[in-house]
Protein backbone atom coordinates (compact mmCIF):
# COMPACT_ATOMS: atom_id res chain seq x y z
CA MET A 1 45.72 -67.70 31.72
CA LYS A 2 42.61 -65.81 32.75
CA LEU A 3 44.58 -62.54 32.62
CA ILE A 4 45.72 -63.27 29.07
CA SER A 5 42.13 -63.97 27.98
CA THR A 6 40.97 -60.67 29.44
CA PHE A 7 43.76 -58.80 27.66
CA VAL A 8 42.86 -60.40 24.31
CA PHE A 9 39.20 -59.52 24.81
CA LEU A 10 39.99 -55.85 25.56
CA PHE A 11 42.33 -55.71 22.58
CA PHE A 12 39.56 -56.85 20.21
CA VAL A 13 37.11 -54.35 21.79
CA PHE A 14 39.64 -51.56 21.19
CA ILE A 15 40.17 -52.60 17.56
CA SER A 16 36.39 -52.83 16.96
CA ASN A 17 35.78 -49.35 18.42
CA ALA A 18 38.60 -47.92 16.34
CA GLN A 19 37.10 -49.43 13.21
CA ILE A 20 33.65 -48.12 14.12
CA ASN A 21 35.05 -44.62 14.76
CA HIS A 22 36.98 -44.75 11.50
CA THR A 23 33.82 -45.84 9.65
CA SER A 24 31.76 -43.07 11.32
CA LYS A 25 34.32 -40.42 10.47
CA ARG A 26 34.47 -41.64 6.87
CA LYS A 27 30.65 -41.49 6.66
CA ILE A 28 30.58 -37.98 8.08
CA ASN A 29 33.22 -36.90 5.59
CA GLU A 30 31.15 -38.38 2.76
CA ILE A 31 28.05 -36.53 3.98
CA GLU A 32 30.00 -33.28 4.23
CA LYS A 33 31.34 -33.83 0.74
CA ASP A 34 27.84 -34.51 -0.61
CA LYS A 35 26.52 -31.46 1.21
CA ARG A 36 29.20 -29.18 -0.27
CA TYR A 37 28.55 -30.62 -3.72
CA PHE A 38 24.81 -29.98 -3.36
CA GLU A 39 25.37 -26.42 -2.12
CA ASN A 40 27.66 -25.64 -5.03
CA THR A 41 25.24 -27.16 -7.53
CA PHE A 42 22.34 -25.28 -5.96
CA LEU A 43 24.13 -21.94 -6.13
CA GLU A 44 25.40 -22.54 -9.66
CA ASP A 45 21.89 -23.38 -10.89
CA PHE A 46 20.45 -20.24 -9.34
CA GLU A 47 23.24 -18.05 -10.65
CA THR A 48 22.86 -19.53 -14.15
CA ASN A 49 19.07 -19.51 -14.41
CA PHE A 50 18.14 -16.49 -12.33
CA LYS A 51 21.05 -14.11 -12.83
CA ASP A 52 19.71 -10.61 -12.26
CA ASP A 53 20.84 -7.25 -10.98
CA ASN A 54 18.22 -7.42 -8.24
CA ALA A 55 19.71 -10.07 -5.95
CA ASN A 56 17.06 -9.63 -3.23
CA TYR A 57 14.43 -11.54 -5.19
CA LEU A 58 13.47 -15.14 -4.49
CA VAL A 59 11.86 -17.49 -6.98
CA ASN A 60 8.67 -19.45 -6.37
CA THR A 61 9.47 -22.71 -8.11
CA ILE A 62 5.98 -24.22 -7.68
CA PRO A 63 3.63 -22.30 -9.98
CA CYS A 64 0.24 -20.93 -9.05
CA TYR A 65 -2.35 -22.12 -11.57
CA ILE A 66 -4.75 -19.34 -12.51
CA PRO A 67 -7.91 -19.54 -14.64
CA SER A 68 -7.91 -19.15 -18.42
CA TRP A 69 -10.49 -16.33 -18.36
CA LEU A 70 -7.61 -14.01 -17.46
CA LEU A 71 -6.63 -14.15 -21.14
CA ASN A 72 -10.20 -14.15 -22.48
CA VAL A 73 -11.92 -10.96 -21.38
CA PRO A 74 -15.23 -10.67 -23.30
CA LYS A 75 -15.49 -7.98 -25.96
CA PRO A 76 -17.82 -5.02 -25.26
CA THR A 77 -21.42 -5.32 -26.39
CA LYS A 78 -24.14 -2.70 -26.80
CA ASP A 79 -25.27 -3.43 -23.23
CA PHE A 80 -22.11 -4.28 -21.28
CA ILE A 81 -18.40 -3.65 -21.04
CA TYR A 82 -16.00 -5.94 -19.20
CA ALA A 83 -12.91 -5.08 -17.17
CA LEU A 84 -10.09 -6.99 -15.52
CA GLY A 85 -8.43 -5.87 -12.30
CA MET A 86 -5.84 -7.24 -9.87
CA SER A 87 -4.73 -6.36 -6.39
CA ASP A 88 -1.17 -6.48 -5.15
CA PRO A 89 0.16 -9.66 -3.48
CA GLY A 90 0.14 -9.99 0.28
CA MET A 91 -3.40 -8.71 0.94
CA ASP A 92 -6.40 -10.18 2.75
CA THR A 93 -9.33 -11.25 0.59
CA VAL A 94 -11.69 -8.35 1.40
CA ASP A 95 -9.24 -5.50 0.72
CA ALA A 96 -7.69 -7.36 -2.21
CA THR A 97 -11.07 -7.83 -3.92
CA GLU A 98 -12.06 -4.19 -3.37
CA LEU A 99 -8.74 -2.88 -4.67
CA ALA A 100 -8.92 -5.19 -7.71
CA SER A 101 -12.43 -3.87 -8.44
CA ILE A 102 -11.30 -0.23 -8.20
CA ARG A 103 -8.42 -0.93 -10.54
CA ALA A 104 -10.70 -2.70 -13.03
CA LYS A 105 -12.98 0.36 -13.08
CA SER A 106 -9.98 2.66 -13.46
CA ILE A 107 -8.97 0.66 -16.56
CA VAL A 108 -12.48 1.34 -17.93
CA ALA A 109 -11.92 5.06 -17.37
CA LEU A 110 -8.45 4.90 -18.95
CA LEU A 111 -9.70 3.09 -22.06
CA ASN A 112 -12.87 5.12 -22.61
CA ASN A 113 -12.17 8.69 -21.58
CA SER A 114 -8.49 9.65 -21.45
CA ASN A 115 -6.76 12.97 -21.86
CA ILE A 116 -3.09 12.21 -22.60
CA ARG A 117 -0.43 14.91 -22.68
CA THR A 118 3.10 13.91 -23.63
CA VAL A 119 6.44 15.66 -24.06
CA THR A 120 9.11 13.68 -25.93
CA ASP A 121 12.75 14.71 -26.18
CA PHE A 122 15.13 13.06 -28.61
CA TYR A 123 18.88 13.53 -28.19
CA SER A 124 21.51 12.44 -30.69
CA ASN A 125 25.30 12.43 -30.57
CA LEU A 126 26.62 14.16 -33.67
CA LYS A 127 30.07 14.98 -32.30
CA SER A 128 31.77 11.60 -32.24
CA ASN A 129 29.79 10.06 -35.10
CA ALA A 130 28.83 7.32 -32.69
CA ASN A 131 25.49 5.58 -32.98
CA GLU A 132 24.18 6.96 -29.69
CA ASN A 133 20.80 8.45 -28.89
CA MET A 134 18.42 8.98 -26.04
CA PHE A 135 14.64 9.29 -25.78
CA GLU A 136 12.90 10.86 -22.80
CA TYR A 137 9.13 10.78 -22.36
CA TYR A 138 6.94 12.48 -19.80
CA SER A 139 3.20 11.86 -19.89
CA GLN A 140 0.19 12.68 -17.77
CA ILE A 141 -3.00 10.69 -18.24
CA LEU A 142 -6.24 11.93 -16.71
CA ALA A 143 -9.41 9.87 -16.93
CA SER A 144 -12.71 9.50 -15.11
CA CYS A 145 -16.03 7.71 -15.50
CA LYS A 146 -19.26 6.85 -13.74
CA VAL A 147 -19.93 3.17 -13.05
CA GLY A 148 -23.26 1.86 -11.80
CA ASN A 149 -24.62 -1.58 -10.87
CA ASP A 150 -21.46 -3.44 -11.84
CA SER A 151 -21.05 -7.09 -10.88
CA ILE A 152 -18.16 -9.48 -10.42
CA ILE A 153 -18.73 -12.36 -12.83
CA ASN A 154 -15.42 -14.12 -12.15
CA SER A 155 -12.89 -13.91 -9.35
CA PHE A 156 -9.83 -15.77 -8.15
CA TYR A 157 -7.55 -15.48 -5.11
CA THR A 158 -4.00 -16.64 -5.78
CA LYS A 159 -1.67 -18.44 -3.41
CA TYR A 160 0.31 -15.18 -3.30
CA ASN A 161 -2.72 -13.49 -1.65
CA GLU A 162 -3.74 -11.33 -4.60
CA ALA A 163 -7.24 -11.01 -6.02
CA ILE A 164 -8.17 -11.13 -9.72
CA VAL A 165 -11.65 -9.97 -10.70
CA LEU A 166 -13.59 -9.74 -13.96
CA LEU A 167 -16.30 -7.07 -13.85
CA ARG A 168 -19.38 -6.69 -16.02
CA ILE A 169 -20.52 -3.08 -16.23
CA PRO A 170 -23.88 -2.12 -17.80
CA LEU A 171 -23.66 0.77 -20.26
CA ASN A 172 -27.19 2.04 -19.69
CA GLU A 173 -26.73 2.58 -15.94
CA LYS A 174 -24.39 5.56 -16.11
CA LYS A 175 -27.18 8.06 -15.50
CA THR A 176 -28.49 6.37 -12.39
CA ALA A 177 -28.20 8.20 -9.07
CA ASN A 178 -26.51 5.18 -7.50
CA TYR A 179 -23.09 5.09 -9.10
CA ASP A 180 -19.37 5.12 -8.34
CA PHE A 181 -17.28 7.99 -9.66
CA ILE A 182 -13.86 6.66 -10.70
CA SER A 183 -10.81 8.88 -11.17
CA PHE A 184 -7.52 7.82 -12.72
CA ASP A 185 -4.42 10.04 -12.63
CA CYS A 186 -1.14 8.70 -13.98
CA LYS A 187 2.23 10.42 -14.35
CA LEU A 188 4.72 8.48 -16.42
CA TYR A 189 8.41 9.11 -17.04
CA LYS A 190 10.49 6.89 -19.32
CA MET A 191 14.06 7.14 -20.59
CA ASP A 192 15.76 4.91 -23.16
CA MET A 193 19.45 5.48 -23.85
CA ASN A 194 21.14 3.55 -26.64
CA MET A 195 24.90 3.77 -26.52
CA GLU A 196 27.45 2.06 -28.74
CA TYR A 197 28.15 -0.77 -26.32
CA ALA A 198 25.35 -0.56 -23.76
CA THR A 199 21.78 0.52 -23.08
CA GLN A 200 20.17 2.30 -20.17
CA TYR A 201 16.49 2.16 -19.21
CA GLU A 202 14.64 4.11 -16.53
CA ALA A 203 10.93 4.46 -15.87
CA MET A 204 8.60 5.70 -13.17
CA PHE A 205 4.83 5.27 -13.05
CA GLU A 206 2.80 7.10 -10.41
CA ILE A 207 -0.87 6.11 -10.36
CA ASP A 208 -3.79 7.31 -8.26
CA ALA A 209 -6.97 5.30 -8.76
CA ASN A 210 -9.87 6.34 -6.54
CA LYS A 211 -13.56 5.52 -6.08
CA TYR A 212 -16.13 7.97 -4.75
CA ASN A 213 -19.84 7.51 -4.04
CA GLN A 214 -22.42 8.86 -1.64
CA ASP A 215 -21.15 6.74 1.23
CA THR A 216 -17.44 6.18 0.81
CA CYS A 217 -14.19 7.42 -0.63
CA LEU A 218 -11.66 4.68 -1.39
CA ASN A 219 -8.18 5.70 -2.54
CA SER A 220 -5.17 3.82 -3.85
CA HIS A 221 -1.67 4.97 -4.70
CA TYR A 222 0.94 3.05 -6.71
CA ILE A 223 4.50 4.04 -7.66
CA LEU A 224 6.60 1.73 -9.83
CA THR A 225 10.26 2.63 -10.41
CA GLU A 226 12.51 0.68 -12.76
CA VAL A 227 16.21 1.14 -13.52
CA ASN A 228 17.29 -1.52 -15.97
CA ASN A 229 16.36 -4.78 -14.18
CA ASN A 230 15.98 -3.23 -10.72
CA VAL A 231 12.43 -2.66 -9.52
CA ASP A 232 11.00 -0.75 -6.57
CA ILE A 233 7.30 -0.47 -5.74
CA LEU A 234 5.40 1.65 -3.25
CA ALA A 235 1.76 0.57 -3.02
CA GLU A 236 -0.90 1.98 -0.69
CA TYR A 237 -4.59 1.29 -0.21
CA MET A 238 -6.65 3.57 2.04
CA ASP A 239 -3.36 5.22 3.12
CA ASN A 240 -2.02 1.89 4.41
CA LYS A 241 1.19 0.58 2.88
CA ILE A 242 1.00 -2.80 1.16
CA SER A 243 4.02 -4.98 1.88
CA ILE A 244 4.75 -6.82 -1.37
CA PRO A 245 7.03 -9.88 -0.92
CA ASN A 246 10.28 -9.83 -2.91
CA TYR A 247 9.48 -12.77 -5.16
CA TYR A 248 9.49 -13.65 -8.79
CA PHE A 249 5.93 -14.93 -8.77
CA ASN A 250 5.41 -18.03 -10.88
CA TYR A 251 2.05 -18.60 -12.60
CA LYS A 252 0.64 -21.03 -15.12
CA ILE A 253 -2.49 -20.53 -17.17
CA SER A 254 -4.05 -23.56 -18.85
CA VAL A 255 -5.30 -22.64 -22.31
CA SER A 256 -6.40 -25.12 -25.01
CA ASP A 257 -4.73 -28.08 -23.31
CA SER A 258 -1.41 -26.30 -23.06
CA SER A 259 0.15 -24.29 -20.24
CA ASN A 260 1.46 -20.76 -20.49
CA GLN A 261 4.03 -19.93 -17.84
CA LEU A 262 4.18 -16.39 -16.53
CA ILE A 263 6.99 -15.03 -14.35
CA ALA A 264 6.02 -11.72 -12.73
CA ASP A 265 8.18 -9.89 -10.23
CA ASN A 266 5.92 -8.04 -7.78
CA GLY A 267 2.72 -9.69 -9.00
CA LEU A 268 0.22 -9.60 -11.87
CA TRP A 269 -0.93 -5.98 -11.55
CA LYS A 270 2.51 -4.56 -12.26
CA GLU A 271 2.79 -6.57 -15.49
CA TYR A 272 -0.76 -5.76 -16.58
CA ILE A 273 -0.80 -2.00 -15.99
CA LYS A 274 2.76 -1.53 -17.28
CA SER A 275 1.90 -3.22 -20.58
CA ILE A 276 -1.27 -1.10 -20.96
CA LEU A 277 0.46 2.19 -20.16
CA PHE A 278 3.33 1.61 -22.58
CA LYS A 279 0.81 0.90 -25.35
CA VAL A 280 -1.17 4.02 -24.46
CA LEU A 281 2.03 6.07 -24.47
CA ASN A 282 3.01 4.84 -27.93
CA LEU A 283 -0.44 5.22 -29.48
CA SER A 284 -1.05 8.68 -28.00
CA GLN A 285 1.83 10.23 -29.98
CA ILE A 286 0.06 9.89 -33.34
CA ASN A 287 -0.74 13.60 -33.43
CA SER A 288 2.48 14.90 -31.93
CA VAL A 289 3.82 18.27 -33.07
CA LYS A 290 7.49 19.21 -33.24
CA ILE A 291 7.99 22.45 -31.36
CA LYS A 292 11.76 22.76 -30.98
CA THR A 293 15.02 21.68 -32.57
CA MET A 294 18.25 22.69 -30.87
CA ALA A 295 21.25 22.48 -33.21
CA GLU A 296 23.59 24.19 -30.79
CA ASN A 297 25.44 22.27 -28.11
CA TYR A 298 22.91 21.00 -25.57
CA SER A 299 25.36 19.05 -23.45
CA PRO A 300 28.97 17.80 -23.62
CA ILE A 301 27.69 14.50 -25.05
CA TYR A 302 24.50 15.16 -27.00
CA GLU A 303 24.57 17.88 -29.60
CA LYS A 304 21.06 17.90 -31.03
CA MET A 305 17.69 17.80 -29.32
CA THR A 306 14.24 17.57 -30.89
CA ARG A 307 11.18 18.10 -28.74
CA GLU A 308 7.65 17.03 -29.62
CA VAL A 309 4.42 17.46 -27.71
CA SER A 310 1.03 15.83 -28.03
CA ASN A 311 -2.34 16.42 -26.40
CA ASN A 312 -5.06 13.93 -27.27
CA ASN A 313 -8.41 12.75 -25.99
CA LEU A 314 -8.53 9.09 -26.92
CA GLN A 315 -10.46 5.87 -26.50
CA PHE A 316 -8.90 2.43 -26.78
CA ASN A 317 -9.91 -1.18 -27.29
CA ILE A 318 -8.16 -4.16 -25.73
CA ASP A 319 -7.56 -6.45 -28.70
CA ASN A 320 -6.07 -9.37 -26.77
CA ILE A 321 -4.18 -10.39 -23.67
CA GLN A 322 -1.48 -13.01 -24.08
CA ILE A 323 1.70 -14.41 -22.60
CA ILE A 324 4.84 -13.93 -24.68
CA ASP A 325 8.27 -14.95 -23.40
CA ASN A 326 6.83 -15.51 -19.91
CA LYS A 327 5.49 -11.92 -19.78
CA LEU A 328 1.92 -10.65 -19.77
CA LYS A 329 1.28 -8.55 -22.89
CA VAL A 330 -1.79 -6.43 -23.61
CA ASP A 331 -2.47 -5.31 -27.18
CA LEU A 332 -4.43 -2.06 -27.61
CA SER A 333 -5.79 -0.17 -30.58
CA ILE A 334 -7.35 3.27 -30.89
CA CYS A 335 -11.12 3.20 -31.29
CA PRO A 336 -12.20 4.08 -34.84
CA ASP A 337 -14.41 6.92 -33.57
CA ASN A 338 -11.36 8.97 -32.42
């Protein structure tokens, strides 16, 4: 009898363990199923919302809130001018602030004392009667200025380790012996091709912005290359390479009780200077002169080429800075005195 009782007890233990194992396996299978579902949903959401040719970029989903004065740079007065500058992401506070200040001063030089030389080629396809054309631009912008006794009236350091500064520069201090000499040298190439069923865009900006004074010489170098949606940046400060993280940086600016969202691959400076340079390029061609028209065959595809050149010394005003379609846009106009 005792043996039978022991056998019954072991039988129930075996059944209980089997049920427990079955329950555990079923739970694991459910977790695996949930995990696969989440992974698929995660990938589908990213592929749908962030589809891009440049697959190496990551997205910062939590925005960095930045101050509203970024979009409200004061207008020049008879005593002061104001300038906005940004560093690249991934820098320490000291170097980032200094680089942002140099760039702000280089914008002052660009806006107030620029020599802009541009060659524009226009190609059209007359052979196949297709609506195809191509524009190529090459520009060089040279600018310089003296800046004395400037002060930082606003500054901000983002969570992406980039500095934003707003400078106030007195106009009556340019003749002082204690000044910074700022040089700005930009070479810009841009190509837009419009074909019947596709478009092609290429651009390269190469910028040297340097500061010289009696004690120091600070140099910066910046190359931005774009092919359609693919971007490559080489940035250097004091001959040291700046490692820019491969992110779509996410910002929000609170203005008048509403938030403007800004998505900027490679940081704020790229968006800011690119918008300014494209406006300068467009406005500088007001006095262009046609020097050549080639009616003979120029290439197997494009039959006609028109070339125009322009050479202008111009001054510009920043009319406003705003966010449109999640991009930073800078509106410029030519100063009336030009």
